[in-house]
Amino acid sequence: MIARQKQISFYTTSHTTGNMMMTQEMVMNEVQNTLSELLTRYSYSELSKKMDMSPNTLHKIASGCRSNLKIDTVLKILQMGNKCLVVVGD
């Protein structure tokens, strides 16, 4: 059984096209919300092992102390929460 993923769109198109642009702040909010949801099911230690990330890094992201994340970190967190990020160019 394959779990259905929620899709989060990150549009990089110009304002003249009429597409909604998801800002970096909006993406970070989604990452933090997803991480918070995951932390209701897993401890920092369990989650860090599943995601191959340090518990300290996860804690910094969850608390908002770390906001400049690599795309692979964003993707790991979103994928763990059955979500994906779609980057759409012009």
PDB file of N, CA and C in Angstrom:
ATOM      1  N   MET A   1       0.837  -1.172   0.000  1.00  0.00           N
ATOM      2  CA  MET A   1       0.000   0.000   0.000  1.00  0.00           C
ATOM      3  C   MET A   1       0.890   1.246   0.000  1.00  0.00           C
ATOM      4  N   ILE A   2       0.654   2.128  -0.921  1.00  0.00           N
ATOM      5  CA  ILE A   2       1.430   3.361  -1.022  1.00  0.00           C
ATOM      6  C   ILE A   2       0.611   4.496  -0.426  1.00  0.00           C
ATOM      7  N   ALA A   3       1.208   5.213   0.521  1.00  0.00           N
ATOM      8  CA  ALA A   3       0.511   6.340   1.143  1.00  0.00           C
ATOM      9  C   ALA A   3       0.446   7.502   0.153  1.00  0.00           C
ATOM     10  N   ARG A   4      -0.679   8.162   0.126  1.00  0.00           N
ATOM     11  CA  ARG A   4      -0.825   9.317  -0.750  1.00  0.00           C
ATOM     12  C   ARG A   4      -0.122  10.516  -0.137  1.00  0.00           C
ATOM     13  N   GLN A   5       0.661  11.208  -0.943  1.00  0.00           N
ATOM     14  CA  GLN A   5       1.403  12.359  -0.455  1.00  0.00           C
ATOM     15  C   GLN A   5       0.612  13.636  -0.667  1.00  0.00           C
ATOM     16  N   LYS A   6       0.703  14.542   0.310  1.00  0.00           N
ATOM     17  CA  LYS A   6       0.156  15.878   0.134  1.00  0.00           C
ATOM     18  C   LYS A   6       1.175  16.651  -0.670  1.00  0.00           C
ATOM     19  N   GLN A   7       0.716  17.460  -1.591  1.00  0.00           N
ATOM     20  CA  GLN A   7       1.634  18.195  -2.450  1.00  0.00           C
ATOM     21  C   GLN A   7       1.708  19.654  -2.025  1.00  0.00           C
ATOM     22  N   ILE A   8       2.909  20.157  -1.898  1.00  0.00           N
ATOM     23  CA  ILE A   8       3.145  21.553  -1.578  1.00  0.00           C
ATOM     24  C   ILE A   8       3.840  22.156  -2.783  1.00  0.00           C
ATOM     25  N   SER A   9       3.256  23.158  -3.363  1.00  0.00           N
ATOM     26  CA  SER A   9       3.837  23.754  -4.558  1.00  0.00           C
ATOM     27  C   SER A   9       4.675  24.967  -4.200  1.00  0.00           C
ATOM     28  N   PHE A  10       5.808  25.082  -4.812  1.00  0.00           N
ATOM     29  CA  PHE A  10       6.697  26.221  -4.615  1.00  0.00           C
ATOM     30  C   PHE A  10       6.897  26.818  -5.993  1.00  0.00           C
ATOM     31  N   TYR A  11       6.195  27.881  -6.269  1.00  0.00           N
ATOM     32  CA  TYR A  11       6.239  28.474  -7.594  1.00  0.00           C
ATOM     33  C   TYR A  11       7.318  29.542  -7.665  1.00  0.00           C
ATOM     34  N   THR A  12       8.105  29.475  -8.691  1.00  0.00           N
ATOM     35  CA  THR A  12       9.167  30.451  -8.879  1.00  0.00           C
ATOM     36  C   THR A  12       8.866  31.363 -10.061  1.00  0.00           C
ATOM     37  N   THR A  13       7.622  31.366 -10.496  1.00  0.00           N
ATOM     38  CA  THR A  13       7.255  32.181 -11.649  1.00  0.00           C
ATOM     39  C   THR A  13       7.134  33.643 -11.257  1.00  0.00           C
ATOM     40  N   SER A  14       7.097  34.508 -12.246  1.00  0.00           N
ATOM     41  CA  SER A  14       7.021  35.944 -11.996  1.00  0.00           C
ATOM     42  C   SER A  14       5.621  36.345 -11.548  1.00  0.00           C
ATOM     43  N   HIS A  15       5.508  37.525 -10.986  1.00  0.00           N
ATOM     44  CA  HIS A  15       4.224  38.025 -10.499  1.00  0.00           C
ATOM     45  C   HIS A  15       3.247  38.278 -11.650  1.00  0.00           C
ATOM     46  N   THR A  16       3.740  38.489 -12.840  1.00  0.00           N
ATOM     47  CA  THR A  16       2.864  38.811 -13.968  1.00  0.00           C
ATOM     48  C   THR A  16       2.095  37.606 -14.486  1.00  0.00           C
ATOM     49  N   THR A  17       2.508  36.392 -14.146  1.00  0.00           N
ATOM     50  CA  THR A  17       1.827  35.194 -14.652  1.00  0.00           C
ATOM     51  C   THR A  17       0.564  34.870 -13.877  1.00  0.00           C
ATOM     52  N   GLY A  18       0.420  35.444 -12.702  1.00  0.00           N
ATOM     53  CA  GLY A  18      -0.767  35.197 -11.905  1.00  0.00           C
ATOM     54  C   GLY A  18      -0.683  33.984 -10.996  1.00  0.00           C
ATOM     55  N   ASN A  19       0.417  33.247 -11.032  1.00  0.00           N
ATOM     56  CA  ASN A  19       0.579  32.091 -10.151  1.00  0.00           C
ATOM     57  C   ASN A  19       0.946  32.544  -8.750  1.00  0.00           C
ATOM     58  N   MET A  20       0.464  31.804  -7.772  1.00  0.00           N
ATOM     59  CA  MET A  20       0.829  32.098  -6.395  1.00  0.00           C
ATOM     60  C   MET A  20       2.293  31.736  -6.177  1.00  0.00           C
ATOM     61  N   MET A  21       2.995  32.572  -5.493  1.00  0.00           N
ATOM     62  CA  MET A  21       4.389  32.281  -5.178  1.00  0.00           C
ATOM     63  C   MET A  21       4.472  31.918  -3.702  1.00  0.00           C
ATOM     64  N   MET A  22       5.015  30.776  -3.428  1.00  0.00           N
ATOM     65  CA  MET A  22       5.214  30.352  -2.052  1.00  0.00           C
ATOM     66  C   MET A  22       6.583  30.837  -1.624  1.00  0.00           C
ATOM     67  N   THR A  23       6.608  31.667  -0.619  1.00  0.00           N
ATOM     68  CA  THR A  23       7.866  32.249  -0.182  1.00  0.00           C
ATOM     69  C   THR A  23       8.675  31.256   0.640  1.00  0.00           C
ATOM     70  N   GLN A  24       9.929  31.583   0.855  1.00  0.00           N
ATOM     71  CA  GLN A  24      10.787  30.745   1.684  1.00  0.00           C
ATOM     72  C   GLN A  24      10.190  30.629   3.085  1.00  0.00           C
ATOM     73  N   GLU A  25       9.611  31.706   3.580  1.00  0.00           N
ATOM     74  CA  GLU A  25       8.994  31.684   4.912  1.00  0.00           C
ATOM     75  C   GLU A  25       7.830  30.696   4.955  1.00  0.00           C
ATOM     76  N   MET A  26       7.042  30.660   3.895  1.00  0.00           N
ATOM     77  CA  MET A  26       5.913  29.726   3.843  1.00  0.00           C
ATOM     78  C   MET A  26       6.401  28.276   3.809  1.00  0.00           C
ATOM     79  N   VAL A  27       7.467  28.026   3.059  1.00  0.00           N
ATOM     80  CA  VAL A  27       8.042  26.677   2.996  1.00  0.00           C
ATOM     81  C   VAL A  27       8.562  26.284   4.374  1.00  0.00           C
ATOM     82  N   MET A  28       9.272  27.202   5.024  1.00  0.00           N
ATOM     83  CA  MET A  28       9.806  26.907   6.361  1.00  0.00           C
ATOM     84  C   MET A  28       8.695  26.634   7.361  1.00  0.00           C
ATOM     85  N   ASN A  29       7.593  27.382   7.284  1.00  0.00           N
ATOM     86  CA  ASN A  29       6.453  27.129   8.166  1.00  0.00           C
ATOM     87  C   ASN A  29       5.907  25.726   7.943  1.00  0.00           C
ATOM     88  N   GLU A  30       5.825  25.322   6.682  1.00  0.00           N
ATOM     89  CA  GLU A  30       5.334  23.980   6.365  1.00  0.00           C
ATOM     90  C   GLU A  30       6.291  22.917   6.893  1.00  0.00           C
ATOM     91  N   VAL A  31       7.591  23.165   6.767  1.00  0.00           N
ATOM     92  CA  VAL A  31       8.596  22.227   7.278  1.00  0.00           C
ATOM     93  C   VAL A  31       8.470  22.113   8.799  1.00  0.00           C
ATOM     94  N   GLN A  32       8.355  23.251   9.483  1.00  0.00           N
ATOM     95  CA  GLN A  32       8.229  23.229  10.947  1.00  0.00           C
ATOM     96  C   GLN A  32       6.935  22.554  11.386  1.00  0.00           C
ATOM     97  N   ASN A  33       5.834  22.813  10.682  1.00  0.00           N
ATOM     98  CA  ASN A  33       4.558  22.164  11.021  1.00  0.00           C
ATOM     99  C   ASN A  33       4.653  20.654  10.819  1.00  0.00           C
ATOM    100  N   THR A  34       5.278  20.250   9.724  1.00  0.00           N
ATOM    101  CA  THR A  34       5.447  18.818   9.447  1.00  0.00           C
ATOM    102  C   THR A  34       6.309  18.167  10.515  1.00  0.00           C
ATOM    103  N   LEU A  35       7.388  18.836  10.877  1.00  0.00           N
ATOM    104  CA  LEU A  35       8.277  18.310  11.913  1.00  0.00           C
ATOM    105  C   LEU A  35       7.540  18.202  13.253  1.00  0.00           C
ATOM    106  N   SER A  36       6.732  19.187  13.571  1.00  0.00           N
ATOM    107  CA  SER A  36       5.936  19.135  14.812  1.00  0.00           C
ATOM    108  C   SER A  36       4.984  17.944  14.808  1.00  0.00           C
ATOM    109  N   GLU A  37       4.353  17.699  13.657  1.00  0.00           N
ATOM    110  CA  GLU A  37       3.462  16.540  13.534  1.00  0.00           C
ATOM    111  C   GLU A  37       4.243  15.242  13.736  1.00  0.00           C
ATOM    112  N   LEU A  38       5.412  15.162  13.127  1.00  0.00           N
ATOM    113  CA  LEU A  38       6.237  13.958  13.267  1.00  0.00           C
ATOM    114  C   LEU A  38       6.675  13.736  14.708  1.00  0.00           C
ATOM    115  N   LEU A  39       6.941  14.821  15.418  1.00  0.00           N
ATOM    116  CA  LEU A  39       7.404  14.709  16.806  1.00  0.00           C
ATOM    117  C   LEU A  39       6.282  14.296  17.765  1.00  0.00           C
ATOM    118  N   THR A  40       5.063  14.264  17.296  1.00  0.00           N
ATOM    119  CA  THR A  40       3.987  13.704  18.126  1.00  0.00           C
ATOM    120  C   THR A  40       3.985  12.178  18.047  1.00  0.00           C
ATOM    121  N   ARG A  41       4.635  11.637  17.007  1.00  0.00           N
ATOM    122  CA  ARG A  41       4.704  10.182  16.818  1.00  0.00           C
ATOM    123  C   ARG A  41       6.057   9.588  17.164  1.00  0.00           C
ATOM    124  N   TYR A  42       7.111  10.394  17.052  1.00  0.00           N
ATOM    125  CA  TYR A  42       8.473   9.909  17.270  1.00  0.00           C
ATOM    126  C   TYR A  42       9.228  10.842  18.214  1.00  0.00           C
ATOM    127  N   SER A  43      10.193  10.296  18.916  1.00  0.00           N
ATOM    128  CA  SER A  43      11.096  11.132  19.714  1.00  0.00           C
ATOM    129  C   SER A  43      12.138  11.732  18.768  1.00  0.00           C
ATOM    130  N   TYR A  44      12.866  12.727  19.254  1.00  0.00           N
ATOM    131  CA  TYR A  44      13.949  13.302  18.445  1.00  0.00           C
ATOM    132  C   TYR A  44      14.949  12.219  18.053  1.00  0.00           C
ATOM    133  N   SER A  45      15.259  11.341  18.992  1.00  0.00           N
ATOM    134  CA  SER A  45      16.229  10.280  18.734  1.00  0.00           C
ATOM    135  C   SER A  45      15.737   9.325  17.641  1.00  0.00           C
ATOM    136  N   GLU A  46      14.477   8.893  17.748  1.00  0.00           N
ATOM    137  CA  GLU A  46      13.913   7.984  16.741  1.00  0.00           C
ATOM    138  C   GLU A  46      13.872   8.646  15.364  1.00  0.00           C
ATOM    139  N   LEU A  47      13.423   9.882  15.343  1.00  0.00           N
ATOM    140  CA  LEU A  47      13.289  10.601  14.085  1.00  0.00           C
ATOM    141  C   LEU A  47      14.653  10.851  13.446  1.00  0.00           C
ATOM    142  N   SER A  48      15.626  11.173  14.263  1.00  0.00           N
ATOM    143  CA  SER A  48      16.964  11.430  13.723  1.00  0.00           C
ATOM    144  C   SER A  48      17.549  10.181  13.069  1.00  0.00           C
ATOM    145  N   LYS A  49      17.284   9.019  13.656  1.00  0.00           N
ATOM    146  CA  LYS A  49      17.763   7.771  13.069  1.00  0.00           C
ATOM    147  C   LYS A  49      17.048   7.477  11.755  1.00  0.00           C
ATOM    148  N   LYS A  50      15.748   7.696  11.722  1.00  0.00           N
ATOM    149  CA  LYS A  50      14.965   7.439  10.514  1.00  0.00           C
ATOM    150  C   LYS A  50      15.364   8.371   9.375  1.00  0.00           C
ATOM    151  N   MET A  51      15.758   9.597   9.722  1.00  0.00           N
ATOM    152  CA  MET A  51      16.053  10.608   8.711  1.00  0.00           C
ATOM    153  C   MET A  51      17.547  10.817   8.492  1.00  0.00           C
ATOM    154  N   ASP A  52      18.379  10.133   9.265  1.00  0.00           N
ATOM    155  CA  ASP A  52      19.824  10.280   9.171  1.00  0.00           C
ATOM    156  C   ASP A  52      20.249  11.743   9.365  1.00  0.00           C
ATOM    157  N   MET A  53      19.708  12.332  10.423  1.00  0.00           N
ATOM    158  CA  MET A  53      20.024  13.707  10.805  1.00  0.00           C
ATOM    159  C   MET A  53      20.254  13.723  12.307  1.00  0.00           C
ATOM    160  N   SER A  54      21.007  14.682  12.792  1.00  0.00           N
ATOM    161  CA  SER A  54      21.260  14.730  14.232  1.00  0.00           C
ATOM    162  C   SER A  54      20.024  15.244  14.974  1.00  0.00           C
ATOM    163  N   PRO A  55      19.790  14.751  16.196  1.00  0.00           N
ATOM    164  CA  PRO A  55      18.674  15.255  17.001  1.00  0.00           C
ATOM    165  C   PRO A  55      18.800  16.755  17.243  1.00  0.00           C
ATOM    166  N   ASN A  56      20.039  17.235  17.389  1.00  0.00           N
ATOM    167  CA  ASN A  56      20.267  18.654  17.612  1.00  0.00           C
ATOM    168  C   ASN A  56      19.782  19.494  16.423  1.00  0.00           C
ATOM    169  N   THR A  57      20.057  19.030  15.210  1.00  0.00           N
ATOM    170  CA  THR A  57      19.601  19.733  14.007  1.00  0.00           C
ATOM    171  C   THR A  57      18.085  19.763  13.948  1.00  0.00           C
ATOM    172  N   LEU A  58      17.464  18.621  14.217  1.00  0.00           N
ATOM    173  CA  LEU A  58      16.000  18.564  14.208  1.00  0.00           C
ATOM    174  C   LEU A  58      15.406  19.511  15.245  1.00  0.00           C
ATOM    175  N   HIS A  59      16.011  19.559  16.411  1.00  0.00           N
ATOM    176  CA  HIS A  59      15.524  20.453  17.467  1.00  0.00           C
ATOM    177  C   HIS A  59      15.645  21.913  17.036  1.00  0.00           C
ATOM    178  N   LYS A  60      16.755  22.279  16.420  1.00  0.00           N
ATOM    179  CA  LYS A  60      16.949  23.662  15.959  1.00  0.00           C
ATOM    180  C   LYS A  60      15.921  24.041  14.888  1.00  0.00           C
ATOM    181  N   ILE A  61      15.631  23.108  13.995  1.00  0.00           N
ATOM    182  CA  ILE A  61      14.638  23.377  12.949  1.00  0.00           C
ATOM    183  C   ILE A  61      13.250  23.516  13.567  1.00  0.00           C
ATOM    184  N   ALA A  62      12.900  22.602  14.468  1.00  0.00           N
ATOM    185  CA  ALA A  62      11.582  22.622  15.102  1.00  0.00           C
ATOM    186  C   ALA A  62      11.362  23.886  15.925  1.00  0.00           C
ATOM    187  N   SER A  63      12.425  24.374  16.550  1.00  0.00           N
ATOM    188  CA  SER A  63      12.290  25.563  17.402  1.00  0.00           C
ATOM    189  C   SER A  63      12.443  26.861  16.623  1.00  0.00           C
ATOM    190  N   GLY A  64      12.758  26.768  15.328  1.00  0.00           N
ATOM    191  CA  GLY A  64      12.888  27.959  14.504  1.00  0.00           C
ATOM    192  C   GLY A  64      14.248  28.625  14.568  1.00  0.00           C
ATOM    193  N   CYS A  65      15.194  27.994  15.249  1.00  0.00           N
ATOM    194  CA  CYS A  65      16.545  28.561  15.357  1.00  0.00           C
ATOM    195  C   CYS A  65      17.336  28.399  14.067  1.00  0.00           C
ATOM    196  N   ARG A  66      16.927  27.464  13.257  1.00  0.00           N
ATOM    197  CA  ARG A  66      17.638  27.223  11.996  1.00  0.00           C
ATOM    198  C   ARG A  66      16.632  27.342  10.860  1.00  0.00           C
ATOM    199  N   SER A  67      16.799  28.356  10.034  1.00  0.00           N
ATOM    200  CA  SER A  67      15.814  28.593   8.980  1.00  0.00           C
ATOM    201  C   SER A  67      16.397  28.547   7.568  1.00  0.00           C
ATOM    202  N   ASN A  68      17.703  28.486   7.443  1.00  0.00           N
ATOM    203  CA  ASN A  68      18.322  28.426   6.126  1.00  0.00           C
ATOM    204  C   ASN A  68      18.734  26.981   5.857  1.00  0.00           C
ATOM    205  N   LEU A  69      17.785  26.202   5.347  1.00  0.00           N
ATOM    206  CA  LEU A  69      18.009  24.769   5.175  1.00  0.00           C
ATOM    207  C   LEU A  69      18.374  24.422   3.743  1.00  0.00           C
ATOM    208  N   LYS A  70      19.144  23.349   3.610  1.00  0.00           N
ATOM    209  CA  LYS A  70      19.428  22.797   2.290  1.00  0.00           C
ATOM    210  C   LYS A  70      18.153  22.135   1.782  1.00  0.00           C
ATOM    211  N   ILE A  71      18.010  22.097   0.470  1.00  0.00           N
ATOM    212  CA  ILE A  71      16.806  21.520  -0.119  1.00  0.00           C
ATOM    213  C   ILE A  71      16.655  20.048   0.249  1.00  0.00           C
ATOM    214  N   ASP A  72      17.760  19.314   0.386  1.00  0.00           N
ATOM    215  CA  ASP A  72      17.651  17.892   0.742  1.00  0.00           C
ATOM    216  C   ASP A  72      17.107  17.715   2.161  1.00  0.00           C
ATOM    217  N   THR A  73      17.411  18.661   3.044  1.00  0.00           N
ATOM    218  CA  THR A  73      16.871  18.613   4.408  1.00  0.00           C
ATOM    219  C   THR A  73      15.372  18.878   4.390  1.00  0.00           C
ATOM    220  N   VAL A  74      14.965  19.879   3.613  1.00  0.00           N
ATOM    221  CA  VAL A  74      13.536  20.187   3.462  1.00  0.00           C
ATOM    222  C   VAL A  74      12.799  18.969   2.915  1.00  0.00           C
ATOM    223  N   LEU A  75      13.365  18.363   1.884  1.00  0.00           N
ATOM    224  CA  LEU A  75      12.720  17.207   1.262  1.00  0.00           C
ATOM    225  C   LEU A  75      12.628  16.019   2.211  1.00  0.00           C
ATOM    226  N   LYS A  76      13.676  15.768   2.991  1.00  0.00           N
ATOM    227  CA  LYS A  76      13.654  14.658   3.954  1.00  0.00           C
ATOM    228  C   LYS A  76      12.505  14.819   4.942  1.00  0.00           C
ATOM    229  N   ILE A  77      12.373  16.017   5.473  1.00  0.00           N
ATOM    230  CA  ILE A  77      11.330  16.266   6.478  1.00  0.00           C
ATOM    231  C   ILE A  77       9.947  16.140   5.850  1.00  0.00           C
ATOM    232  N   LEU A  78       9.745  16.770   4.698  1.00  0.00           N
ATOM    233  CA  LEU A  78       8.439  16.704   4.047  1.00  0.00           C
ATOM    234  C   LEU A  78       8.092  15.289   3.623  1.00  0.00           C
ATOM    235  N   GLN A  79       9.061  14.554   3.084  1.00  0.00           N
ATOM    236  CA  GLN A  79       8.797  13.175   2.672  1.00  0.00           C
ATOM    237  C   GLN A  79       8.461  12.285   3.858  1.00  0.00           C
ATOM    238  N   MET A  80       9.121  12.509   4.975  1.00  0.00           N
ATOM    239  CA  MET A  80       8.828  11.735   6.181  1.00  0.00           C
ATOM    240  C   MET A  80       7.395  11.978   6.634  1.00  0.00           C
ATOM    241  N   GLY A  81       6.878  13.160   6.347  1.00  0.00           N
ATOM    242  CA  GLY A  81       5.487  13.493   6.674  1.00  0.00           C
ATOM    243  C   GLY A  81       4.525  13.229   5.538  1.00  0.00           C
ATOM    244  N   ASN A  82       4.944  12.420   4.546  1.00  0.00           N
ATOM    245  CA  ASN A  82       4.133  12.087   3.363  1.00  0.00           C
ATOM    246  C   ASN A  82       3.718  13.329   2.582  1.00  0.00           C
ATOM    247  N   LYS A  83       4.625  14.265   2.460  1.00  0.00           N
ATOM    248  CA  LYS A  83       4.395  15.472   1.674  1.00  0.00           C
ATOM    249  C   LYS A  83       5.527  15.602   0.676  1.00  0.00           C
ATOM    250  N   CYS A  84       5.323  16.403  -0.331  1.00  0.00           N
ATOM    251  CA  CYS A  84       6.392  16.645  -1.294  1.00  0.00           C
ATOM    252  C   CYS A  84       6.394  18.116  -1.685  1.00  0.00           C
ATOM    253  N   LEU A  85       7.498  18.544  -2.201  1.00  0.00           N
ATOM    254  CA  LEU A  85       7.682  19.922  -2.632  1.00  0.00           C
ATOM    255  C   LEU A  85       7.864  19.903  -4.131  1.00  0.00           C
ATOM    256  N   VAL A  86       7.063  20.685  -4.826  1.00  0.00           N
ATOM    257  CA  VAL A  86       7.159  20.770  -6.279  1.00  0.00           C
ATOM    258  C   VAL A  86       7.685  22.153  -6.636  1.00  0.00           C
ATOM    259  N   VAL A  87       8.817  22.187  -7.312  1.00  0.00           N
ATOM    260  CA  VAL A  87       9.400  23.451  -7.740  1.00  0.00           C
ATOM    261  C   VAL A  87       9.053  23.619  -9.214  1.00  0.00           C
ATOM    262  N   VAL A  88       8.358  24.709  -9.519  1.00  0.00           N
ATOM    263  CA  VAL A  88       7.897  24.961 -10.864  1.00  0.00           C
ATOM    264  C   VAL A  88       8.541  26.243 -11.373  1.00  0.00           C
ATOM    265  N   GLY A  89       9.245  26.181 -12.486  1.00  0.00           N
ATOM    266  CA  GLY A  89       9.880  27.358 -13.077  1.00  0.00           C
ATOM    267  C   GLY A  89       9.022  27.946 -14.183  1.00  0.00           C
ATOM    268  N   ASP A  90       9.520  29.018 -14.802  1.00  0.00           N
ATOM    269  CA  ASP A  90       8.805  29.663 -15.917  1.00  0.00           C
ATOM    270  C   ASP A  90       8.666  28.744 -17.100  1.00  0.00           C
TER     271      ASP A  90
END
